[in-house]
Amino acid sequence: MVSQLKDIAARYALALYELANEQKSLHALAEDLTFLRQLIAESRAFGYLIYSPILSRSDRTKGMLAICEKFFTEQLTLNFLGALTYNRRLFVLPEIINLYIEKLAQERGELAATVISAVPLSVEDIDALAKALYKTIGQKIFFDLKVDPSLIGGLIVRVGSRMIDSSLRTKLRRLRFAMKGFS
């Protein structure tokens, strides 16, 4: 089942990428998709709209139209969300977004990295992180920035299969585990 969902998402992401490339709107679409990803993560109502099995097609369409009218002007974004809604494929939207952004980064010669921080990062912090990762990996990095206050401090950086967790939450867990060994 998971494989089928990935296949569906991959087909949509590739078609979306090709359309955006033809229309010379790769960057604008990436901005919209990044905003959508943030909306999915932060809004329970939007998550309900995407994942709820009890909503009818017309209710989903009304909800998506309201969101599109409020947040998006890029015609490709509007058409894409309309097609996903009509075809009852909104539940694969997060995976489509991830695959699209990875494809865009790959075409630009960049690696996609997810950076989770306790607080929003400043432009200087992002630049310093980009330089440090470039020195380590040797490639330009495209960042997907997320904020998770439960980290308390520090960062979690995922680049491909690599993960660097320097969050205070993880350090406290390790300390707690180590302390249990002494009691």
Protein backbone atom coordinates (compact mmCIF):
# COMPACT_ATOMS: atom_id res chain seq x y z
CA MET A 1 0.00 0.00 0.00
CA VAL A 2 2.80 2.43 0.89
CA SER A 3 4.52 1.62 -2.41
CA GLN A 4 1.32 2.42 -4.32
CA LEU A 5 1.01 5.77 -2.54
CA LYS A 6 4.62 6.63 -3.38
CA ASP A 7 3.99 5.68 -7.02
CA ILE A 8 0.90 7.90 -7.16
CA ALA A 9 2.78 10.78 -5.55
CA ALA A 10 5.76 10.31 -7.87
CA ARG A 11 3.56 10.47 -10.98
CA TYR A 12 1.84 13.65 -9.79
CA ALA A 13 5.12 15.26 -8.70
CA LEU A 14 6.80 14.53 -12.03
CA ALA A 15 3.83 15.80 -14.05
CA LEU A 16 3.67 18.91 -11.88
CA TYR A 17 7.39 19.52 -12.30
CA GLU A 18 7.17 19.18 -16.08
CA LEU A 19 4.22 21.58 -16.27
CA ALA A 20 5.95 24.12 -14.03
CA ASN A 21 9.09 23.84 -16.15
CA GLU A 22 7.11 24.44 -19.36
CA GLN A 23 5.40 27.46 -17.81
CA LYS A 24 8.65 28.79 -16.34
CA SER A 25 7.14 28.80 -12.87
CA LEU A 26 9.31 26.27 -11.04
CA HIS A 27 10.31 28.71 -8.29
CA ALA A 28 6.84 30.23 -7.80
CA LEU A 29 5.31 26.79 -7.53
CA ALA A 30 7.99 25.70 -5.05
CA GLU A 31 7.11 28.68 -2.86
CA ASP A 32 3.42 27.76 -2.96
CA LEU A 33 4.17 24.13 -2.18
CA THR A 34 6.45 25.08 0.69
CA PHE A 35 3.65 27.23 2.08
CA LEU A 36 1.22 24.32 1.66
CA ARG A 37 3.58 22.03 3.55
CA GLN A 38 3.70 24.53 6.39
CA LEU A 39 -0.09 24.84 6.33
CA ILE A 40 -0.45 21.06 6.57
CA ALA A 41 1.91 20.93 9.54
CA GLU A 42 0.35 23.82 11.44
CA SER A 43 -3.38 23.70 10.67
CA ARG A 44 -5.50 20.91 12.08
CA ALA A 45 -8.44 22.05 9.93
CA PHE A 46 -6.38 21.79 6.75
CA GLY A 47 -5.13 18.37 7.82
CA TYR A 48 -8.75 17.33 8.34
CA LEU A 49 -9.62 18.59 4.86
CA ILE A 50 -6.83 16.51 3.33
CA TYR A 51 -7.11 13.29 5.30
CA SER A 52 -10.69 12.90 6.53
CA PRO A 53 -12.44 9.98 4.83
CA ILE A 54 -15.90 11.31 5.70
CA LEU A 55 -15.75 14.55 3.73
CA SER A 56 -17.56 14.50 0.42
CA ARG A 57 -15.95 15.60 -2.82
CA SER A 58 -18.06 18.76 -2.86
CA ASP A 59 -17.10 19.65 0.74
CA ARG A 60 -13.41 19.15 -0.07
CA THR A 61 -13.79 21.23 -3.22
CA LYS A 62 -15.45 24.07 -1.29
CA GLY A 63 -12.72 23.95 1.35
CA MET A 64 -9.90 23.93 -1.19
CA LEU A 65 -11.51 26.77 -3.16
CA ALA A 66 -11.67 28.87 0.00
CA ILE A 67 -8.02 28.17 0.79
CA CYS A 68 -6.90 28.80 -2.79
CA GLU A 69 -8.77 32.11 -3.00
CA LYS A 70 -7.17 33.28 0.22
CA PHE A 71 -3.56 32.14 -0.25
CA PHE A 72 -2.68 31.44 -3.88
CA THR A 73 -2.55 33.36 -7.15
CA GLU A 74 -0.29 31.03 -9.16
CA GLN A 75 -2.64 29.42 -11.74
CA LEU A 76 -0.67 26.17 -11.80
CA THR A 77 -1.08 25.81 -8.03
CA LEU A 78 -4.82 26.39 -8.32
CA ASN A 79 -5.18 23.89 -11.17
CA PHE A 80 -3.04 21.31 -9.39
CA LEU A 81 -4.99 21.52 -6.13
CA GLY A 82 -8.24 21.40 -8.09
CA ALA A 83 -7.15 18.25 -9.92
CA LEU A 84 -6.00 16.57 -6.69
CA THR A 85 -9.29 17.42 -5.03
CA TYR A 86 -11.39 16.23 -7.97
CA ASN A 87 -9.41 12.97 -8.26
CA ARG A 88 -9.62 12.38 -4.49
CA ARG A 89 -5.84 12.41 -4.11
CA LEU A 90 -5.37 15.16 -1.51
CA PHE A 91 -4.07 12.58 0.96
CA VAL A 92 -0.86 12.24 -1.10
CA LEU A 93 -0.25 16.01 -1.18
CA PRO A 94 2.55 15.98 1.45
CA GLU A 95 4.49 13.31 -0.44
CA ILE A 96 3.96 15.10 -3.77
CA ILE A 97 5.34 18.29 -2.23
CA ASN A 98 8.41 16.47 -0.89
CA LEU A 99 9.12 14.79 -4.23
CA TYR A 100 8.64 18.02 -6.20
CA ILE A 101 11.02 19.97 -3.97
CA GLU A 102 13.60 17.15 -4.10
CA LYS A 103 13.37 17.06 -7.91
CA LEU A 104 13.74 20.83 -8.14
CA ALA A 105 16.78 20.79 -5.86
CA GLN A 106 18.30 17.91 -7.85
CA GLU A 107 17.83 19.75 -11.16
CA ARG A 108 19.53 22.80 -9.69
CA GLY A 109 22.45 20.65 -8.58
CA GLU A 110 21.46 21.05 -4.95
CA LEU A 111 20.71 18.61 -2.20
CA ALA A 112 17.47 19.00 -0.30
CA ALA A 113 17.96 19.31 3.44
CA THR A 114 15.34 19.45 6.15
CA VAL A 115 16.31 21.69 9.03
CA ILE A 116 14.22 21.62 12.18
CA SER A 117 14.95 24.27 14.78
CA ALA A 118 13.42 25.31 18.09
CA VAL A 119 12.98 28.89 16.85
CA PRO A 120 12.91 30.40 13.37
CA LEU A 121 16.43 30.76 11.97
CA SER A 122 17.77 34.15 10.92
CA VAL A 123 19.18 34.74 7.46
CA GLU A 124 22.68 34.80 8.98
CA ASP A 125 22.09 31.42 10.66
CA ILE A 126 20.87 29.90 7.40
CA ASP A 127 23.88 31.27 5.51
CA ALA A 128 26.29 29.90 8.14
CA LEU A 129 24.58 26.50 8.04
CA ALA A 130 24.68 26.47 4.22
CA LYS A 131 28.41 27.22 4.25
CA ALA A 132 29.13 24.55 6.86
CA LEU A 133 27.14 21.92 4.96
CA TYR A 134 28.80 22.92 1.67
CA LYS A 135 32.22 22.36 3.26
CA THR A 136 31.12 18.95 4.55
CA ILE A 137 29.11 17.67 1.60
CA GLY A 138 30.53 19.67 -1.30
CA GLN A 139 27.17 20.56 -2.80
CA LYS A 140 24.82 23.50 -2.56
CA ILE A 141 21.90 22.85 -0.23
CA PHE A 142 18.22 23.72 -0.66
CA PHE A 143 16.65 24.09 2.79
CA ASP A 144 13.23 23.03 3.96
CA LEU A 145 12.97 24.93 7.23
CA LYS A 146 10.66 23.79 10.01
CA VAL A 147 10.17 24.98 13.57
CA ASP A 148 9.54 22.60 16.47
CA PRO A 149 9.59 24.34 19.88
CA SER A 150 9.79 20.95 21.62
CA LEU A 151 13.46 20.77 20.58
CA ILE A 152 14.13 23.43 23.26
CA GLY A 153 17.28 24.53 21.40
CA GLY A 154 19.68 23.38 18.70
CA LEU A 155 18.92 21.82 15.33
CA ILE A 156 18.07 18.62 13.55
CA VAL A 157 19.45 18.53 10.01
CA ARG A 158 18.57 15.78 7.52
CA VAL A 159 20.40 15.59 4.20
CA GLY A 160 19.59 12.47 2.24
CA SER A 161 20.09 9.52 4.57
CA ARG A 162 22.28 11.52 6.96
CA MET A 163 20.90 13.09 10.11
CA ILE A 164 22.62 15.40 12.55
CA ASP A 165 20.70 15.92 15.78
CA SER A 166 22.17 18.60 17.99
CA SER A 167 18.90 19.46 19.69
CA LEU A 168 18.79 20.12 23.40
CA ARG A 169 15.87 17.71 23.70
CA THR A 170 18.02 14.83 22.41
CA LYS A 171 20.95 15.80 24.60
CA LEU A 172 18.68 15.81 27.65
CA ARG A 173 17.30 12.38 26.71
CA ARG A 174 20.84 11.01 26.42
CA LEU A 175 21.74 12.51 29.77
CA ARG A 176 18.60 11.06 31.38
CA PHE A 177 19.43 7.64 29.92
CA ALA A 178 23.03 7.87 31.14
CA MET A 179 21.86 8.92 34.62
CA LYS A 180 19.58 5.87 34.82
CA GLY A 181 22.65 3.69 34.35
CA PHE A 182 24.16 5.08 37.57
CA SER A 183 21.17 4.48 39.80
